């Protein structure tokens, strides 16, 4: 074996291996400290691109779920208003039935009518003040509402439309604005109108309930979708802590061995120096 002073091949080789070991050890430390298997595009370029796409979809689904929940909140406000109007109409009908009989006198009908006039104003007030996010819901001014419940831009797959239909529940629309209970005939004549109004409110409530049920089903299905996508992203992006801990222990031992071998290789020129000393002596 040739002995050289100018070039120490063994030390160069040991240094190269030690540098590679140090890089692997650094990469393992980064994975353990961050919790991610992929921290840089160089770790897994395709995996990084796929996992980032999945992450964008997951975050979009999260917002879509919140949109659906907000839509359900709007529907609850809508349904609450219709419920109160329905209760008020039933109370007006009850009073009309009471005033439609000859067992009630003129004075009593006036007192009954006083309550009815107040209830009519309350129907109008509820219809004009039931609002959500700037939308007045029960006065007929609301158009078809769109709820973005998916992560993409497909109108059929990613949006739910809420069409309240004839949702003008003001007194004028329900036909109860101009009547009173001051006569038996007035009380009798308004009963059919009240029945139509109650039926109309109930039809709207049924429509509202079906949309609310659909939104809740959408929230549930989107949560399952998001959960499965998150699991897929985790398998691709997250570090296996057990495996990386094993790699860390292995690379630490290899680095220690590399340092020892580098020190040993650096002693090789000393043999040549000893020969020169012997020669000069």
Protein backbone atom coordinates (compact mmCIF):
# COMPACT_ATOMS: atom_id res chain seq x y z
CA UNK A 1 0.00 0.00 0.00
CA UNK A 2 1.44 3.34 -1.09
CA UNK A 3 1.95 6.00 1.57
CA UNK A 4 1.24 9.57 0.47
CA UNK A 5 1.39 12.86 2.31
CA UNK A 6 -0.18 15.24 -0.25
CA UNK A 7 -3.41 13.28 -0.77
CA UNK A 8 -5.15 11.21 1.89
CA UNK A 9 -7.69 9.12 -0.04
CA UNK A 10 -9.00 7.37 3.05
CA UNK A 11 -9.68 10.67 4.84
CA UNK A 12 -11.43 12.11 1.78
CA UNK A 13 -13.66 9.05 1.53
CA UNK A 14 -14.44 9.14 5.26
CA UNK A 15 -15.21 12.85 5.05
CA UNK A 16 -17.57 12.34 2.10
CA UNK A 17 -19.45 9.56 3.90
CA UNK A 18 -19.59 11.64 7.07
CA UNK A 19 -21.08 14.57 5.13
CA UNK A 20 -23.76 12.33 3.60
CA UNK A 21 -24.56 10.87 7.01
CA UNK A 22 -24.85 14.35 8.50
CA UNK A 23 -27.30 15.38 5.75
CA UNK A 24 -29.46 12.32 6.36
CA UNK A 25 -29.35 12.95 10.11
CA UNK A 26 -30.37 16.57 9.60
CA UNK A 27 -33.26 15.50 7.39
CA UNK A 28 -34.42 13.01 10.05
CA UNK A 29 -34.17 15.66 12.76
CA UNK A 30 -36.26 18.03 10.64
CA UNK A 31 -38.95 15.39 10.14
CA UNK A 32 -39.07 14.58 13.84
CA UNK A 33 -39.22 18.23 14.87
CA UNK A 34 -41.85 19.27 12.29
CA UNK A 35 -43.91 16.09 12.23
CA UNK A 36 -43.89 16.08 8.42
CA UNK A 37 -42.28 13.54 6.14
CA UNK A 38 -42.19 16.13 3.35
CA UNK A 39 -40.69 19.47 4.34
CA UNK A 40 -39.13 20.44 1.00
CA UNK A 41 -39.97 19.66 -2.59
CA UNK A 42 -36.73 17.67 -2.77
CA UNK A 43 -38.07 15.23 -0.16
CA UNK A 44 -40.88 14.06 -2.48
CA UNK A 45 -41.84 16.43 -5.30
CA UNK A 46 -44.90 14.48 -6.43
CA UNK A 47 -46.06 13.83 -2.87
CA UNK A 48 -45.73 17.53 -2.02
CA UNK A 49 -47.83 18.57 -5.03
CA UNK A 50 -50.55 15.99 -4.31
CA UNK A 51 -50.68 16.73 -0.58
CA UNK A 52 -50.88 20.49 -1.17
CA UNK A 53 -53.78 19.93 -3.58
CA UNK A 54 -55.50 17.78 -0.98
CA UNK A 55 -54.87 20.42 1.68
CA UNK A 56 -56.44 23.14 -0.48
CA UNK A 57 -59.50 20.93 -1.00
CA UNK A 58 -59.74 20.12 2.71
CA UNK A 59 -59.62 23.79 3.70
CA UNK A 60 -62.22 24.65 1.06
CA UNK A 61 -64.50 21.88 2.31
CA UNK A 62 -64.10 23.24 5.83
CA UNK A 63 -65.37 26.63 4.69
CA UNK A 64 -68.14 24.99 2.66
CA UNK A 65 -69.27 23.18 5.82
CA UNK A 66 -69.41 26.50 7.64
CA UNK A 67 -71.39 27.95 4.73
CA UNK A 68 -73.91 25.12 5.01
CA UNK A 69 -74.18 25.65 8.75
CA UNK A 70 -74.73 29.37 8.17
CA UNK A 71 -77.38 28.47 5.61
CA UNK A 72 -79.09 26.30 8.22
CA UNK A 73 -78.98 29.27 10.61
CA UNK A 74 -80.67 31.45 7.99
CA UNK A 75 -83.32 28.77 7.50
CA UNK A 76 -83.91 28.64 11.26
CA UNK A 77 -84.47 32.40 11.32
CA UNK A 78 -86.86 32.03 8.37
CA UNK A 79 -88.71 29.17 10.02
CA UNK A 80 -88.93 31.02 13.32
CA UNK A 81 -90.62 33.97 11.63
CA UNK A 82 -93.11 31.79 9.79
CA UNK A 83 -93.89 29.91 13.00
CA UNK A 84 -94.76 33.11 14.84
CA UNK A 85 -96.90 34.38 11.96
CA UNK A 86 -98.68 31.04 11.87
CA UNK A 87 -99.37 31.22 15.61
CA UNK A 88 -100.65 34.76 15.23
CA UNK A 89 -103.00 33.81 12.39
CA UNK A 90 -104.38 30.94 14.45
CA UNK A 91 -105.02 33.33 17.33
CA UNK A 92 -106.81 35.74 14.98
CA UNK A 93 -108.94 32.84 13.71
CA UNK A 94 -109.76 31.85 17.27
CA UNK A 95 -110.93 35.40 17.97
CA UNK A 96 -112.91 35.44 14.72
CA UNK A 97 -114.71 32.26 15.74
CA UNK A 98 -115.50 33.84 19.09
CA UNK A 99 -116.91 36.94 17.39
CA UNK A 100 -118.91 34.95 14.81
CA UNK A 101 -121.61 33.90 17.25
CA UNK A 102 -124.66 35.77 18.58
CA UNK A 103 -123.67 34.91 22.11
CA UNK A 104 -121.17 37.78 21.89
CA UNK A 105 -122.43 41.33 22.06
CA UNK A 106 -121.30 44.46 20.24
CA UNK A 107 -119.09 45.64 23.07
CA UNK A 108 -117.39 42.28 23.34
CA UNK A 109 -116.73 42.27 19.61
CA UNK A 110 -115.10 45.69 19.91
CA UNK A 111 -112.76 44.32 22.58
CA UNK A 112 -112.01 41.27 20.45
CA UNK A 113 -111.34 43.51 17.48
CA UNK A 114 -108.88 45.59 19.48
CA UNK A 115 -106.70 42.50 19.97
CA UNK A 116 -107.08 41.51 16.32
CA UNK A 117 -105.91 44.92 15.10
CA UNK A 118 -102.79 44.64 17.25
CA UNK A 119 -102.13 41.11 15.99
CA UNK A 120 -102.48 42.25 12.37
CA UNK A 121 -99.81 44.87 12.98
CA UNK A 122 -97.60 42.23 14.59
CA UNK A 123 -97.88 40.02 11.49
CA UNK A 124 -96.64 42.95 9.40
CA UNK A 125 -93.86 43.72 11.87
CA UNK A 126 -92.60 40.11 11.89
CA UNK A 127 -92.71 39.90 8.09
CA UNK A 128 -90.75 43.13 7.64
CA UNK A 129 -88.15 42.62 10.39
CA UNK A 130 -87.21 38.94 9.97
CA UNK A 131 -83.75 39.41 8.46
CA UNK A 132 -80.47 37.57 8.08
CA UNK A 133 -77.24 38.98 6.63
CA UNK A 134 -79.10 41.89 5.07
CA UNK A 135 -81.83 39.73 3.51
CA UNK A 136 -85.40 40.49 4.56
CA UNK A 137 -86.95 37.04 4.41
CA UNK A 138 -90.72 37.29 4.83
CA UNK A 139 -91.83 40.42 2.96
CA UNK A 140 -91.45 39.03 -0.56
CA UNK A 141 -88.25 40.93 -1.34
CA UNK A 142 -85.87 37.96 -1.08
CA UNK A 143 -84.80 36.30 -4.30
CA UNK A 144 -83.58 32.73 -4.64
CA UNK A 145 -80.66 32.26 -2.24
CA UNK A 146 -77.55 30.21 -3.06
CA UNK A 147 -75.55 28.30 -0.46
CA UNK A 148 -72.01 27.32 -1.51
CA UNK A 149 -71.67 23.91 0.13
CA UNK A 150 -68.94 22.34 -2.01
CA UNK A 151 -65.27 23.08 -2.75
CA UNK A 152 -65.67 23.67 -6.49
CA UNK A 153 -67.68 25.76 -8.96
CA UNK A 154 -70.23 23.26 -10.22
CA UNK A 155 -73.72 24.80 -9.80
CA UNK A 156 -75.36 21.39 -9.44
CA UNK A 157 -72.82 19.70 -7.17
CA UNK A 158 -71.47 22.56 -5.08
CA UNK A 159 -74.47 24.79 -4.47
CA UNK A 160 -77.88 24.42 -2.86
CA UNK A 161 -80.61 26.80 -3.95
CA UNK A 162 -83.25 28.01 -1.53
CA UNK A 163 -86.36 29.32 -3.26
CA UNK A 164 -88.86 30.47 -0.62
CA UNK A 165 -91.50 30.92 -3.32
CA UNK A 166 -94.35 33.28 -2.44
CA UNK A 167 -92.81 34.31 0.87
CA UNK A 168 -94.64 37.63 1.19
CA UNK A 169 -96.34 37.11 4.54
CA UNK A 170 -97.33 40.70 5.21
CA UNK A 171 -100.91 41.37 6.20
CA UNK A 172 -101.75 42.77 2.78
CA UNK A 173 -100.47 39.68 1.00
CA UNK A 174 -102.34 37.37 3.38
CA UNK A 175 -105.56 39.36 2.86
CA UNK A 176 -106.07 40.33 6.49
CA UNK A 177 -105.28 44.04 6.32
CA UNK A 178 -108.73 45.56 5.98
CA UNK A 179 -111.01 43.40 8.06
CA UNK A 180 -112.37 43.84 11.57
CA UNK A 181 -114.53 41.87 14.01
CA UNK A 182 -117.05 44.58 14.78
CA UNK A 183 -119.86 42.57 13.21
CA UNK A 184 -120.78 38.91 13.21
CA UNK A 185 -120.75 38.86 9.42
CA UNK A 186 -117.22 40.27 9.23
CA UNK A 187 -116.00 37.59 11.62
CA UNK A 188 -117.66 34.85 9.56
CA UNK A 189 -116.41 36.16 6.23
CA UNK A 190 -112.75 36.29 7.29
CA UNK A 191 -112.53 32.62 8.25
CA UNK A 192 -111.86 31.35 4.73
CA UNK A 193 -109.21 34.01 4.19
CA UNK A 194 -107.51 33.05 7.43
CA UNK A 195 -107.58 29.38 6.44
CA UNK A 196 -105.91 30.21 3.14
CA UNK A 197 -103.28 32.30 4.92
CA UNK A 198 -102.52 29.53 7.43
CA UNK A 199 -102.27 26.99 4.61
CA UNK A 200 -99.90 29.25 2.69
CA UNK A 201 -97.67 29.75 5.73
CA UNK A 202 -97.58 26.01 6.36
CA UNK A 203 -96.60 25.29 2.76
CA UNK A 204 -93.67 27.68 3.13
CA UNK A 205 -92.71 26.07 6.44
CA UNK A 206 -92.68 22.64 4.80
CA UNK A 207 -90.43 23.95 2.02
CA UNK A 208 -88.14 25.55 4.57
CA UNK A 209 -87.96 22.36 6.62
CA UNK A 210 -86.97 20.25 3.63
CA UNK A 211 -84.11 22.61 2.76
CA UNK A 212 -82.94 22.65 6.38
CA UNK A 213 -82.90 18.84 6.43
CA UNK A 214 -80.89 18.79 3.20
CA UNK A 215 -78.36 21.26 4.59
CA UNK A 216 -77.82 19.13 7.69
CA UNK A 217 -77.31 16.06 5.51
CA UNK A 218 -74.84 18.05 3.40
CA UNK A 219 -72.87 19.07 6.50
CA UNK A 220 -72.65 15.45 7.63
CA UNK A 221 -71.52 14.14 4.23
CA UNK A 222 -68.96 16.91 3.75
CA UNK A 223 -67.51 16.27 7.20
CA UNK A 224 -67.00 12.61 6.27
CA UNK A 225 -65.43 13.65 2.96
CA UNK A 226 -63.07 16.04 4.73
CA UNK A 227 -62.14 13.38 7.28
CA UNK A 228 -61.20 10.88 4.58
CA UNK A 229 -59.20 13.44 2.60
CA UNK A 230 -57.36 14.46 5.77
CA UNK A 231 -56.45 10.82 6.44
CA UNK A 232 -55.15 10.47 2.87
CA UNK A 233 -53.07 13.64 3.19
CA UNK A 234 -51.70 12.48 6.53
CA UNK A 235 -50.53 9.16 5.11
CA UNK A 236 -48.75 11.02 2.33
CA UNK A 237 -47.38 14.07 4.16
CA UNK A 238 -46.95 13.25 7.85
CA UNK A 239 -43.86 11.60 9.30
CA UNK A 240 -43.93 8.10 10.78
CA UNK A 241 -42.43 8.98 14.15
CA UNK A 242 -41.52 5.37 14.99
CA UNK A 243 -39.67 4.88 11.71
CA UNK A 244 -37.94 8.26 11.87
CA UNK A 245 -36.84 7.65 15.46
CA UNK A 246 -35.23 4.41 14.32
CA UNK A 247 -33.53 6.23 11.45
CA UNK A 248 -32.30 8.91 13.82
CA UNK A 249 -30.68 6.34 16.11
CA UNK A 250 -29.10 4.57 13.13
CA UNK A 251 -27.74 7.74 11.54
CA UNK A 252 -26.38 8.96 14.89
CA UNK A 253 -24.39 5.74 15.31
CA UNK A 254 -23.15 5.91 11.71
CA UNK A 255 -22.05 9.50 12.21
CA UNK A 256 -20.13 8.62 15.35
CA UNK A 257 -18.47 5.77 13.48
CA UNK A 258 -17.66 8.10 10.57
CA UNK A 259 -16.02 10.61 12.89
CA UNK A 260 -13.91 7.84 14.41
CA UNK A 261 -12.85 6.56 10.99
CA UNK A 262 -12.00 10.09 9.82
CA UNK A 263 -9.77 10.51 12.83
CA UNK A 264 -8.13 7.16 12.05
CA UNK A 265 -7.64 8.07 8.40
CA UNK A 266 -6.01 11.35 9.38
CA UNK A 267 -3.33 9.36 11.23
CA UNK A 268 -2.14 7.61 8.04
CA UNK A 269 0.32 10.36 6.97
CA UNK A 270 1.98 10.02 10.37
CA UNK A 271 3.28 6.60 9.25
CA UNK A 272 5.04 8.20 6.30
CA UNK A 273 6.45 10.87 8.62
CA UNK A 274 7.87 8.13 10.84
CA UNK A 275 9.56 6.55 7.85
CA UNK A 276 11.12 9.93 6.98
CA UNK A 277 12.40 10.30 10.50
CA UNK A 278 13.97 6.85 10.40
CA UNK A 279 15.52 7.64 7.01
CA UNK A 280 17.02 10.90 8.22
CA UNK A 281 18.40 9.20 11.34
